[in-house]
């Protein structure tokens, strides 16, 4: 079904907070005298029992950061930094400041910024166990990247996550040690 909206049913999109999904419908909802149109997006899920549908207002989609899934070649180029350890200046030593910066990177909707956040947190985790907040941020970033890679490459999300983890593991095999300080 075609519509005059920027996306159509079947479009593969990325929501900056929830990751990638496919538009499965466009619904109209009335509130009082006003009718609004919504994209209904079936989000990629790590397991089929937790599949989620998200409704995004059509007229606010761009403002909310909804964007098309990147082409596979561009996405793989964006993931390439995962093979390289962060330089000392890239690791924010104060954990609260790092968490704030990572949260902003994840909310940006930019594959490159999400990749950088995941790479740094994965690297820090290899040097010392991450705290609960950092662990959740790392998992969220991995899910955002894996969901987009899965849709772009027509593979299962678990396979996409394994591909990203292999890139990150390669980073650890080849990089110099940069020991982040911890601030309690």
C-alpha atoms as a PDB file:
ATOM      1  CA  UNK A   1       0.000   0.000   0.000  1.00  0.00           C
ATOM      2  CA  UNK A   2       1.528   3.302  -1.030  1.00  0.00           C
ATOM      3  CA  UNK A   3       0.870   6.519   0.832  1.00  0.00           C
ATOM      4  CA  UNK A   4       1.966  10.110   0.501  1.00  0.00           C
ATOM      5  CA  UNK A   5       4.212   9.644   3.562  1.00  0.00           C
ATOM      6  CA  UNK A   6       7.998   9.522   3.423  1.00  0.00           C
ATOM      7  CA  UNK A   7       7.976   5.783   4.216  1.00  0.00           C
ATOM      8  CA  UNK A   8       5.795   2.964   2.995  1.00  0.00           C
ATOM      9  CA  UNK A   9       4.694  -0.370   4.332  1.00  0.00           C
ATOM     10  CA  UNK A  10       7.745  -2.613   4.029  1.00  0.00           C
ATOM     11  CA  UNK A  11      10.258   0.229   4.526  1.00  0.00           C
ATOM     12  CA  UNK A  12      13.176  -0.705   6.770  1.00  0.00           C
ATOM     13  CA  UNK A  13      13.885   2.080   9.248  1.00  0.00           C
ATOM     14  CA  UNK A  14      15.990   2.849  12.315  1.00  0.00           C
ATOM     15  CA  UNK A  15      14.573   4.520  15.405  1.00  0.00           C
ATOM     16  CA  UNK A  16      17.411   6.134  17.408  1.00  0.00           C
ATOM     17  CA  UNK A  17      16.237   4.703  20.717  1.00  0.00           C
ATOM     18  CA  UNK A  18      14.837   1.313  19.723  1.00  0.00           C
ATOM     19  CA  UNK A  19      16.971   0.237  16.758  1.00  0.00           C
ATOM     20  CA  UNK A  20      15.836  -1.105  13.405  1.00  0.00           C
ATOM     21  CA  UNK A  21      12.491  -2.421  12.290  1.00  0.00           C
ATOM     22  CA  UNK A  22      10.114  -2.727   9.375  1.00  0.00           C
ATOM     23  CA  UNK A  23       7.038  -0.593   8.820  1.00  0.00           C
ATOM     24  CA  UNK A  24       4.134  -3.035   8.859  1.00  0.00           C
ATOM     25  CA  UNK A  25       1.302  -0.535   8.732  1.00  0.00           C
ATOM     26  CA  UNK A  26       0.225   3.075   8.672  1.00  0.00           C
ATOM     27  CA  UNK A  27      -2.719   3.746  10.972  1.00  0.00           C
ATOM     28  CA  UNK A  28      -4.933   6.720  11.593  1.00  0.00           C
ATOM     29  CA  UNK A  29      -5.975   7.465  15.166  1.00  0.00           C
ATOM     30  CA  UNK A  30      -8.482  10.093  16.194  1.00  0.00           C
ATOM     31  CA  UNK A  31      -8.194  12.091  19.374  1.00  0.00           C
ATOM     32  CA  UNK A  32     -11.170  14.391  19.673  1.00  0.00           C
ATOM     33  CA  UNK A  33     -11.575  16.211  16.368  1.00  0.00           C
ATOM     34  CA  UNK A  34      -7.971  15.608  15.294  1.00  0.00           C
ATOM     35  CA  UNK A  35      -6.818  12.611  13.278  1.00  0.00           C
ATOM     36  CA  UNK A  36      -3.139  11.647  13.231  1.00  0.00           C
ATOM     37  CA  UNK A  37      -1.311   9.080  11.101  1.00  0.00           C
ATOM     38  CA  UNK A  38       1.230   6.715  12.644  1.00  0.00           C
ATOM     39  CA  UNK A  39       3.845   4.379  11.257  1.00  0.00           C
ATOM     40  CA  UNK A  40       3.511   0.980  12.902  1.00  0.00           C
ATOM     41  CA  UNK A  41       7.025  -0.460  13.081  1.00  0.00           C
ATOM     42  CA  UNK A  42       7.783  -4.065  14.009  1.00  0.00           C
ATOM     43  CA  UNK A  43      11.134  -3.854  15.737  1.00  0.00           C
ATOM     44  CA  UNK A  44      13.865  -6.449  15.383  1.00  0.00           C
ATOM     45  CA  UNK A  45      14.133  -8.469  18.594  1.00  0.00           C
ATOM     46  CA  UNK A  46      16.895 -10.674  19.986  1.00  0.00           C
ATOM     47  CA  UNK A  47      14.283 -13.379  20.449  1.00  0.00           C
ATOM     48  CA  UNK A  48      10.875 -13.779  18.893  1.00  0.00           C
ATOM     49  CA  UNK A  49       9.060 -13.802  22.242  1.00  0.00           C
ATOM     50  CA  UNK A  50       9.941 -10.136  22.846  1.00  0.00           C
ATOM     51  CA  UNK A  51       8.894  -8.695  19.479  1.00  0.00           C
ATOM     52  CA  UNK A  52       7.718  -5.125  19.861  1.00  0.00           C
ATOM     53  CA  UNK A  53       5.658  -2.826  17.686  1.00  0.00           C
ATOM     54  CA  UNK A  54       6.293   0.885  17.885  1.00  0.00           C
ATOM     55  CA  UNK A  55       3.987   3.660  16.691  1.00  0.00           C
ATOM     56  CA  UNK A  56       5.650   6.820  15.420  1.00  0.00           C
ATOM     57  CA  UNK A  57       3.639   9.872  14.320  1.00  0.00           C
ATOM     58  CA  UNK A  58       4.162  10.308  10.560  1.00  0.00           C
ATOM     59  CA  UNK A  59       4.516  14.080  10.749  1.00  0.00           C
ATOM     60  CA  UNK A  60       7.110  13.865  13.580  1.00  0.00           C
ATOM     61  CA  UNK A  61       9.139  10.958  12.187  1.00  0.00           C
ATOM     62  CA  UNK A  62      12.061  13.084  10.962  1.00  0.00           C
ATOM     63  CA  UNK A  63      12.065  15.189  14.137  1.00  0.00           C
ATOM     64  CA  UNK A  64      12.230  11.996  16.232  1.00  0.00           C
ATOM     65  CA  UNK A  65      15.214  10.780  14.194  1.00  0.00           C
ATOM     66  CA  UNK A  66      13.563   7.992  12.201  1.00  0.00           C
ATOM     67  CA  UNK A  67      15.777   7.198   9.221  1.00  0.00           C
ATOM     68  CA  UNK A  68      16.117   4.480   6.591  1.00  0.00           C
ATOM     69  CA  UNK A  69      18.338   1.480   7.288  1.00  0.00           C
ATOM     70  CA  UNK A  70      21.793   2.100   5.822  1.00  0.00           C
ATOM     71  CA  UNK A  71      22.994   0.195   2.800  1.00  0.00           C
ATOM     72  CA  UNK A  72      25.040  -2.836   3.789  1.00  0.00           C
ATOM     73  CA  UNK A  73      28.282  -1.472   2.292  1.00  0.00           C
ATOM     74  CA  UNK A  74      27.929   1.820   4.204  1.00  0.00           C
ATOM     75  CA  UNK A  75      26.994   0.005   7.386  1.00  0.00           C
ATOM     76  CA  UNK A  76      30.010  -2.297   7.218  1.00  0.00           C
ATOM     77  CA  UNK A  77      32.228   0.745   6.621  1.00  0.00           C
ATOM     78  CA  UNK A  78      30.675   2.378   9.725  1.00  0.00           C
ATOM     79  CA  UNK A  79      31.412  -0.783  11.745  1.00  0.00           C
ATOM     80  CA  UNK A  80      35.083  -0.937  10.652  1.00  0.00           C
ATOM     81  CA  UNK A  81      36.328   1.087  13.673  1.00  0.00           C
ATOM     82  CA  UNK A  82      35.256  -1.856  15.866  1.00  0.00           C
ATOM     83  CA  UNK A  83      38.496  -3.525  14.754  1.00  0.00           C
ATOM     84  CA  UNK A  84      40.633  -0.758  16.252  1.00  0.00           C
ATOM     85  CA  UNK A  85      41.083  -0.057  19.954  1.00  0.00           C
ATOM     86  CA  UNK A  86      40.236   3.414  21.196  1.00  0.00           C
ATOM     87  CA  UNK A  87      43.083   5.794  21.781  1.00  0.00           C
ATOM     88  CA  UNK A  88      43.646   6.962  25.324  1.00  0.00           C
ATOM     89  CA  UNK A  89      41.881  10.289  24.744  1.00  0.00           C
ATOM     90  CA  UNK A  90      38.731   8.537  23.496  1.00  0.00           C
ATOM     91  CA  UNK A  91      38.042   6.884  26.839  1.00  0.00           C
ATOM     92  CA  UNK A  92      36.398   9.261  29.286  1.00  0.00           C
ATOM     93  CA  UNK A  93      37.865   8.291  32.615  1.00  0.00           C
ATOM     94  CA  UNK A  94      35.069   9.589  34.866  1.00  0.00           C
ATOM     95  CA  UNK A  95      32.334   6.975  34.648  1.00  0.00           C
ATOM     96  CA  UNK A  96      29.432   9.429  35.092  1.00  0.00           C
ATOM     97  CA  UNK A  97      30.716  11.672  32.321  1.00  0.00           C
ATOM     98  CA  UNK A  98      31.346   8.589  30.142  1.00  0.00           C
ATOM     99  CA  UNK A  99      27.804   7.314  30.745  1.00  0.00           C
ATOM    100  CA  UNK A 100      26.343  10.708  29.807  1.00  0.00           C
ATOM    101  CA  UNK A 101      28.445  10.853  26.631  1.00  0.00           C
ATOM    102  CA  UNK A 102      27.575   7.264  25.664  1.00  0.00           C
ATOM    103  CA  UNK A 103      23.867   7.896  26.277  1.00  0.00           C
ATOM    104  CA  UNK A 104      23.997  10.889  23.912  1.00  0.00           C
ATOM    105  CA  UNK A 105      25.858   8.832  21.293  1.00  0.00           C
ATOM    106  CA  UNK A 106      23.235   6.084  21.473  1.00  0.00           C
ATOM    107  CA  UNK A 107      20.351   8.574  21.180  1.00  0.00           C
ATOM    108  CA  UNK A 108      21.952  10.281  18.173  1.00  0.00           C
ATOM    109  CA  UNK A 109      20.696   7.765  15.638  1.00  0.00           C
ATOM    110  CA  UNK A 110      24.113   7.866  13.955  1.00  0.00           C
ATOM    111  CA  UNK A 111      25.608   4.461  13.210  1.00  0.00           C
ATOM    112  CA  UNK A 112      29.096   5.923  13.561  1.00  0.00           C
ATOM    113  CA  UNK A 113      28.413   7.384  17.007  1.00  0.00           C
ATOM    114  CA  UNK A 114      26.742   4.197  18.235  1.00  0.00           C
ATOM    115  CA  UNK A 115      29.711   2.194  16.909  1.00  0.00           C
ATOM    116  CA  UNK A 116      32.139   4.442  18.799  1.00  0.00           C
ATOM    117  CA  UNK A 117      30.157   4.074  22.022  1.00  0.00           C
ATOM    118  CA  UNK A 118      30.024   0.276  21.700  1.00  0.00           C
ATOM    119  CA  UNK A 119      33.718   0.060  20.823  1.00  0.00           C
ATOM    120  CA  UNK A 120      34.791   2.096  23.859  1.00  0.00           C
ATOM    121  CA  UNK A 121      32.513   0.262  26.305  1.00  0.00           C
ATOM    122  CA  UNK A 122      33.548  -3.139  24.938  1.00  0.00           C
ATOM    123  CA  UNK A 123      37.187  -2.159  25.307  1.00  0.00           C
ATOM    124  CA  UNK A 124      36.712  -0.860  28.862  1.00  0.00           C
ATOM    125  CA  UNK A 125      34.840  -4.084  29.708  1.00  0.00           C
ATOM    126  CA  UNK A 126      37.829  -6.109  28.500  1.00  0.00           C
ATOM    127  CA  UNK A 127      40.034  -4.296  31.046  1.00  0.00           C
ATOM    128  CA  UNK A 128      37.635  -4.372  33.990  1.00  0.00           C
ATOM    129  CA  UNK A 129      34.073  -5.495  34.485  1.00  0.00           C
ATOM    130  CA  UNK A 130      31.543  -2.815  33.607  1.00  0.00           C
ATOM    131  CA  UNK A 131      29.039  -1.600  36.159  1.00  0.00           C
ATOM    132  CA  UNK A 132      25.330  -2.187  35.702  1.00  0.00           C
ATOM    133  CA  UNK A 133      24.608   1.091  33.868  1.00  0.00           C
ATOM    134  CA  UNK A 134      27.577   0.705  31.497  1.00  0.00           C
ATOM    135  CA  UNK A 135      26.609  -2.927  30.836  1.00  0.00           C
ATOM    136  CA  UNK A 136      23.069  -1.884  29.905  1.00  0.00           C
ATOM    137  CA  UNK A 137      24.399   0.874  27.638  1.00  0.00           C
ATOM    138  CA  UNK A 138      26.744  -1.596  25.915  1.00  0.00           C
ATOM    139  CA  UNK A 139      23.902  -4.085  25.421  1.00  0.00           C
ATOM    140  CA  UNK A 140      21.595  -1.365  24.080  1.00  0.00           C
ATOM    141  CA  UNK A 141      24.257  -0.168  21.638  1.00  0.00           C
ATOM    142  CA  UNK A 142      24.958  -3.719  20.476  1.00  0.00           C
ATOM    143  CA  UNK A 143      21.237  -4.282  19.903  1.00  0.00           C
ATOM    144  CA  UNK A 144      20.880  -1.059  17.907  1.00  0.00           C
ATOM    145  CA  UNK A 145      23.819  -2.009  15.674  1.00  0.00           C
ATOM    146  CA  UNK A 146      22.803  -5.668  15.351  1.00  0.00           C
ATOM    147  CA  UNK A 147      19.206  -4.836  14.462  1.00  0.00           C
ATOM    148  CA  UNK A 148      20.291  -2.519  11.649  1.00  0.00           C
ATOM    149  CA  UNK A 149      22.918  -4.955  10.372  1.00  0.00           C
ATOM    150  CA  UNK A 150      20.363  -7.785  10.440  1.00  0.00           C
ATOM    151  CA  UNK A 151      17.873  -5.846   8.319  1.00  0.00           C
ATOM    152  CA  UNK A 152      20.531  -4.532   5.931  1.00  0.00           C
ATOM    153  CA  UNK A 153      22.038  -7.981   5.378  1.00  0.00           C
ATOM    154  CA  UNK A 154      18.859 -10.100   5.594  1.00  0.00           C
ATOM    155  CA  UNK A 155      20.290 -12.201   8.386  1.00  0.00           C
ATOM    156  CA  UNK A 156      19.031 -13.120  11.835  1.00  0.00           C
ATOM    157  CA  UNK A 157      19.759 -10.596  14.558  1.00  0.00           C
ATOM    158  CA  UNK A 158      21.797 -13.163  16.514  1.00  0.00           C
ATOM    159  CA  UNK A 159      24.082 -13.634  13.490  1.00  0.00           C
ATOM    160  CA  UNK A 160      24.470  -9.870  13.107  1.00  0.00           C
ATOM    161  CA  UNK A 161      25.373  -9.522  16.782  1.00  0.00           C
ATOM    162  CA  UNK A 162      27.970 -12.307  16.427  1.00  0.00           C
ATOM    163  CA  UNK A 163      29.480 -10.496  13.430  1.00  0.00           C
ATOM    164  CA  UNK A 164      29.853  -7.313  15.501  1.00  0.00           C
ATOM    165  CA  UNK A 165      31.284  -9.249  18.444  1.00  0.00           C
ATOM    166  CA  UNK A 166      33.868 -10.840  16.120  1.00  0.00           C
ATOM    167  CA  UNK A 167      34.978  -7.376  14.990  1.00  0.00           C
ATOM    168  CA  UNK A 168      35.263  -6.278  18.610  1.00  0.00           C
ATOM    169  CA  UNK A 169      37.178  -9.439  19.571  1.00  0.00           C
ATOM    170  CA  UNK A 170      39.628  -8.711  16.749  1.00  0.00           C
ATOM    171  CA  UNK A 171      40.183  -5.273  18.283  1.00  0.00           C
ATOM    172  CA  UNK A 172      41.228  -6.860  21.572  1.00  0.00           C
ATOM    173  CA  UNK A 173      43.658  -9.202  19.852  1.00  0.00           C
ATOM    174  CA  UNK A 174      45.457  -6.409  18.058  1.00  0.00           C
ATOM    175  CA  UNK A 175      45.378  -3.356  20.302  1.00  0.00           C
ATOM    176  CA  UNK A 176      47.628  -1.715  22.860  1.00  0.00           C
ATOM    177  CA  UNK A 177      46.495  -1.649  26.468  1.00  0.00           C
ATOM    178  CA  UNK A 178      44.930   1.591  27.612  1.00  0.00           C
ATOM    179  CA  UNK A 179      43.919   1.298  31.241  1.00  0.00           C
ATOM    180  CA  UNK A 180      40.919   3.487  32.085  1.00  0.00           C
ATOM    181  CA  UNK A 181      40.854   5.027  35.521  1.00  0.00           C
ATOM    182  CA  UNK A 182      37.833   4.512  37.681  1.00  0.00           C
ATOM    183  CA  UNK A 183      36.143   7.219  39.648  1.00  0.00           C
ATOM    184  CA  UNK A 184      33.727   6.170  42.356  1.00  0.00           C
END
